[in-house]
């Protein structure tokens, strides 16, 4: 069985700062076809659905749909603040290569 993605405390803290749970929202992390490397991440606030895998911590939730789960097995969902901006990032051990922006990858 594939390991579910892991969510860092920084990511849950950021979700708490923006009040996601208070708005009935969760951070959705999905994998779609496209991007410059074959697949791309879609990261957005969304309403959880019944079929989602829910990862919870600090009163917040990150959801992944069933189709995206195999692509994100063992991945780490984090939040980073850099000079170029703050964003949620995915460290994915399944990706064999990725583009410079970090939102597109290949397996």
C-alpha atoms as a PDB file:
ATOM      1  CA  UNK A   1       0.000   0.000   0.000  1.00  0.00           C
ATOM      2  CA  UNK A   2       1.258   3.472  -0.867  1.00  0.00           C
ATOM      3  CA  UNK A   3       2.162   5.836   1.935  1.00  0.00           C
ATOM      4  CA  UNK A   4      -0.168   8.826   2.115  1.00  0.00           C
ATOM      5  CA  UNK A   5       1.348  12.277   1.670  1.00  0.00           C
ATOM      6  CA  UNK A   6       2.660  13.995   4.785  1.00  0.00           C
ATOM      7  CA  UNK A   7       1.757  17.585   5.664  1.00  0.00           C
ATOM      8  CA  UNK A   8       4.215  19.710   7.636  1.00  0.00           C
ATOM      9  CA  UNK A   9       3.268  21.762  10.670  1.00  0.00           C
ATOM     10  CA  UNK A  10       4.248  24.906   8.673  1.00  0.00           C
ATOM     11  CA  UNK A  11       1.606  24.079   6.070  1.00  0.00           C
ATOM     12  CA  UNK A  12      -1.096  23.524   8.696  1.00  0.00           C
ATOM     13  CA  UNK A  13      -0.053  26.757  10.459  1.00  0.00           C
ATOM     14  CA  UNK A  14      -0.390  28.723   7.215  1.00  0.00           C
ATOM     15  CA  UNK A  15      -3.850  27.254   6.596  1.00  0.00           C
ATOM     16  CA  UNK A  16      -4.810  28.325  10.102  1.00  0.00           C
ATOM     17  CA  UNK A  17      -3.480  31.853   9.465  1.00  0.00           C
ATOM     18  CA  UNK A  18      -5.676  32.238   6.393  1.00  0.00           C
ATOM     19  CA  UNK A  19      -8.681  30.755   8.235  1.00  0.00           C
ATOM     20  CA  UNK A  20      -9.350  27.880   5.846  1.00  0.00           C
ATOM     21  CA  UNK A  21     -11.244  25.687   8.348  1.00  0.00           C
ATOM     22  CA  UNK A  22     -13.288  28.658   9.594  1.00  0.00           C
ATOM     23  CA  UNK A  23     -14.484  29.124   6.012  1.00  0.00           C
ATOM     24  CA  UNK A  24     -15.317  25.410   5.648  1.00  0.00           C
ATOM     25  CA  UNK A  25     -12.402  25.026   3.249  1.00  0.00           C
ATOM     26  CA  UNK A  26      -9.423  22.691   2.972  1.00  0.00           C
ATOM     27  CA  UNK A  27      -6.235  22.863   0.944  1.00  0.00           C
ATOM     28  CA  UNK A  28      -6.766  20.670  -2.113  1.00  0.00           C
ATOM     29  CA  UNK A  29      -3.647  19.154  -3.661  1.00  0.00           C
ATOM     30  CA  UNK A  30      -4.268  17.435  -6.981  1.00  0.00           C
ATOM     31  CA  UNK A  31      -2.212  16.148  -9.898  1.00  0.00           C
ATOM     32  CA  UNK A  32      -3.341  16.910 -13.445  1.00  0.00           C
ATOM     33  CA  UNK A  33      -1.945  16.193 -16.883  1.00  0.00           C
ATOM     34  CA  UNK A  34      -0.131  19.134 -18.430  1.00  0.00           C
ATOM     35  CA  UNK A  35       2.633  21.543 -17.562  1.00  0.00           C
ATOM     36  CA  UNK A  36       6.056  21.545 -19.172  1.00  0.00           C
ATOM     37  CA  UNK A  37       7.051  18.173 -17.657  1.00  0.00           C
ATOM     38  CA  UNK A  38       3.898  16.073 -18.207  1.00  0.00           C
ATOM     39  CA  UNK A  39       2.048  16.524 -14.904  1.00  0.00           C
ATOM     40  CA  UNK A  40       1.316  19.573 -12.801  1.00  0.00           C
ATOM     41  CA  UNK A  41       0.120  20.239  -9.276  1.00  0.00           C
ATOM     42  CA  UNK A  42      -3.089  22.077  -8.627  1.00  0.00           C
ATOM     43  CA  UNK A  43      -3.110  23.618  -5.147  1.00  0.00           C
ATOM     44  CA  UNK A  44      -6.158  25.598  -4.058  1.00  0.00           C
ATOM     45  CA  UNK A  45      -8.649  26.129  -1.264  1.00  0.00           C
ATOM     46  CA  UNK A  46     -11.697  23.971  -1.865  1.00  0.00           C
ATOM     47  CA  UNK A  47     -14.594  22.255  -0.130  1.00  0.00           C
ATOM     48  CA  UNK A  48     -13.701  18.660   0.815  1.00  0.00           C
ATOM     49  CA  UNK A  49     -15.720  15.941  -0.867  1.00  0.00           C
ATOM     50  CA  UNK A  50     -16.752  12.571   0.508  1.00  0.00           C
ATOM     51  CA  UNK A  51     -14.247  10.592  -1.614  1.00  0.00           C
ATOM     52  CA  UNK A  52     -11.191  12.694  -0.685  1.00  0.00           C
ATOM     53  CA  UNK A  53      -8.376  11.427   1.475  1.00  0.00           C
ATOM     54  CA  UNK A  54      -8.259  13.910   4.359  1.00  0.00           C
ATOM     55  CA  UNK A  55      -5.043  14.769   6.189  1.00  0.00           C
ATOM     56  CA  UNK A  56      -5.672  16.774   9.346  1.00  0.00           C
ATOM     57  CA  UNK A  57      -3.607  18.710  11.851  1.00  0.00           C
ATOM     58  CA  UNK A  58      -3.930  21.821  14.000  1.00  0.00           C
ATOM     59  CA  UNK A  59      -7.647  21.972  13.223  1.00  0.00           C
ATOM     60  CA  UNK A  60      -6.969  22.268   9.481  1.00  0.00           C
ATOM     61  CA  UNK A  61      -7.398  19.827   6.595  1.00  0.00           C
ATOM     62  CA  UNK A  62      -5.526  19.000   3.397  1.00  0.00           C
ATOM     63  CA  UNK A  63      -7.437  16.864   0.883  1.00  0.00           C
ATOM     64  CA  UNK A  64      -6.262  14.709  -2.022  1.00  0.00           C
ATOM     65  CA  UNK A  65      -8.602  13.076  -4.524  1.00  0.00           C
ATOM     66  CA  UNK A  66      -8.361   9.322  -5.135  1.00  0.00           C
ATOM     67  CA  UNK A  67      -6.920   9.716  -8.663  1.00  0.00           C
ATOM     68  CA  UNK A  68      -4.063  11.936  -7.435  1.00  0.00           C
ATOM     69  CA  UNK A  69      -3.141   9.703  -4.464  1.00  0.00           C
ATOM     70  CA  UNK A  70      -0.757   7.329  -6.332  1.00  0.00           C
ATOM     71  CA  UNK A  71       1.174  10.306  -7.736  1.00  0.00           C
ATOM     72  CA  UNK A  72       1.540  11.834  -4.256  1.00  0.00           C
ATOM     73  CA  UNK A  73       2.400   8.660  -2.303  1.00  0.00           C
ATOM     74  CA  UNK A  74       5.115   9.479   0.220  1.00  0.00           C
ATOM     75  CA  UNK A  75       5.217  13.170  -0.792  1.00  0.00           C
ATOM     76  CA  UNK A  76       5.572  16.042   1.677  1.00  0.00           C
ATOM     77  CA  UNK A  77       3.292  19.073   1.453  1.00  0.00           C
ATOM     78  CA  UNK A  78       4.988  22.120   2.954  1.00  0.00           C
ATOM     79  CA  UNK A  79       4.757  25.904   3.040  1.00  0.00           C
ATOM     80  CA  UNK A  80       7.779  28.063   2.268  1.00  0.00           C
ATOM     81  CA  UNK A  81       8.513  31.783   2.381  1.00  0.00           C
ATOM     82  CA  UNK A  82      11.307  32.956   0.092  1.00  0.00           C
ATOM     83  CA  UNK A  83      12.361  36.209  -1.538  1.00  0.00           C
ATOM     84  CA  UNK A  84      10.306  35.310  -4.609  1.00  0.00           C
ATOM     85  CA  UNK A  85       7.184  34.798  -2.507  1.00  0.00           C
ATOM     86  CA  UNK A  86       5.380  32.453  -0.164  1.00  0.00           C
ATOM     87  CA  UNK A  87       3.711  29.289  -1.423  1.00  0.00           C
ATOM     88  CA  UNK A  88       2.748  25.720  -0.714  1.00  0.00           C
ATOM     89  CA  UNK A  89       5.289  23.281  -2.159  1.00  0.00           C
ATOM     90  CA  UNK A  90       5.357  19.546  -2.806  1.00  0.00           C
ATOM     91  CA  UNK A  91       8.460  17.425  -2.230  1.00  0.00           C
ATOM     92  CA  UNK A  92       7.578  14.363  -4.281  1.00  0.00           C
ATOM     93  CA  UNK A  93       9.813  11.253  -4.247  1.00  0.00           C
ATOM     94  CA  UNK A  94       7.863   9.893  -7.262  1.00  0.00           C
ATOM     95  CA  UNK A  95       8.916  12.752  -9.564  1.00  0.00           C
ATOM     96  CA  UNK A  96      11.892  11.854 -11.741  1.00  0.00           C
ATOM     97  CA  UNK A  97      12.255  15.439 -12.950  1.00  0.00           C
ATOM     98  CA  UNK A  98      10.549  18.771 -12.430  1.00  0.00           C
ATOM     99  CA  UNK A  99      10.517  22.221 -13.956  1.00  0.00           C
ATOM    100  CA  UNK A 100      12.145  25.255 -12.396  1.00  0.00           C
ATOM    101  CA  UNK A 101       8.897  26.615 -10.944  1.00  0.00           C
ATOM    102  CA  UNK A 102       8.215  23.376  -9.037  1.00  0.00           C
ATOM    103  CA  UNK A 103       4.614  23.003 -10.195  1.00  0.00           C
ATOM    104  CA  UNK A 104       5.275  20.641 -13.109  1.00  0.00           C
ATOM    105  CA  UNK A 105       6.934  17.212 -12.954  1.00  0.00           C
ATOM    106  CA  UNK A 106       7.334  13.864 -14.693  1.00  0.00           C
ATOM    107  CA  UNK A 107       7.258  10.313 -13.375  1.00  0.00           C
END
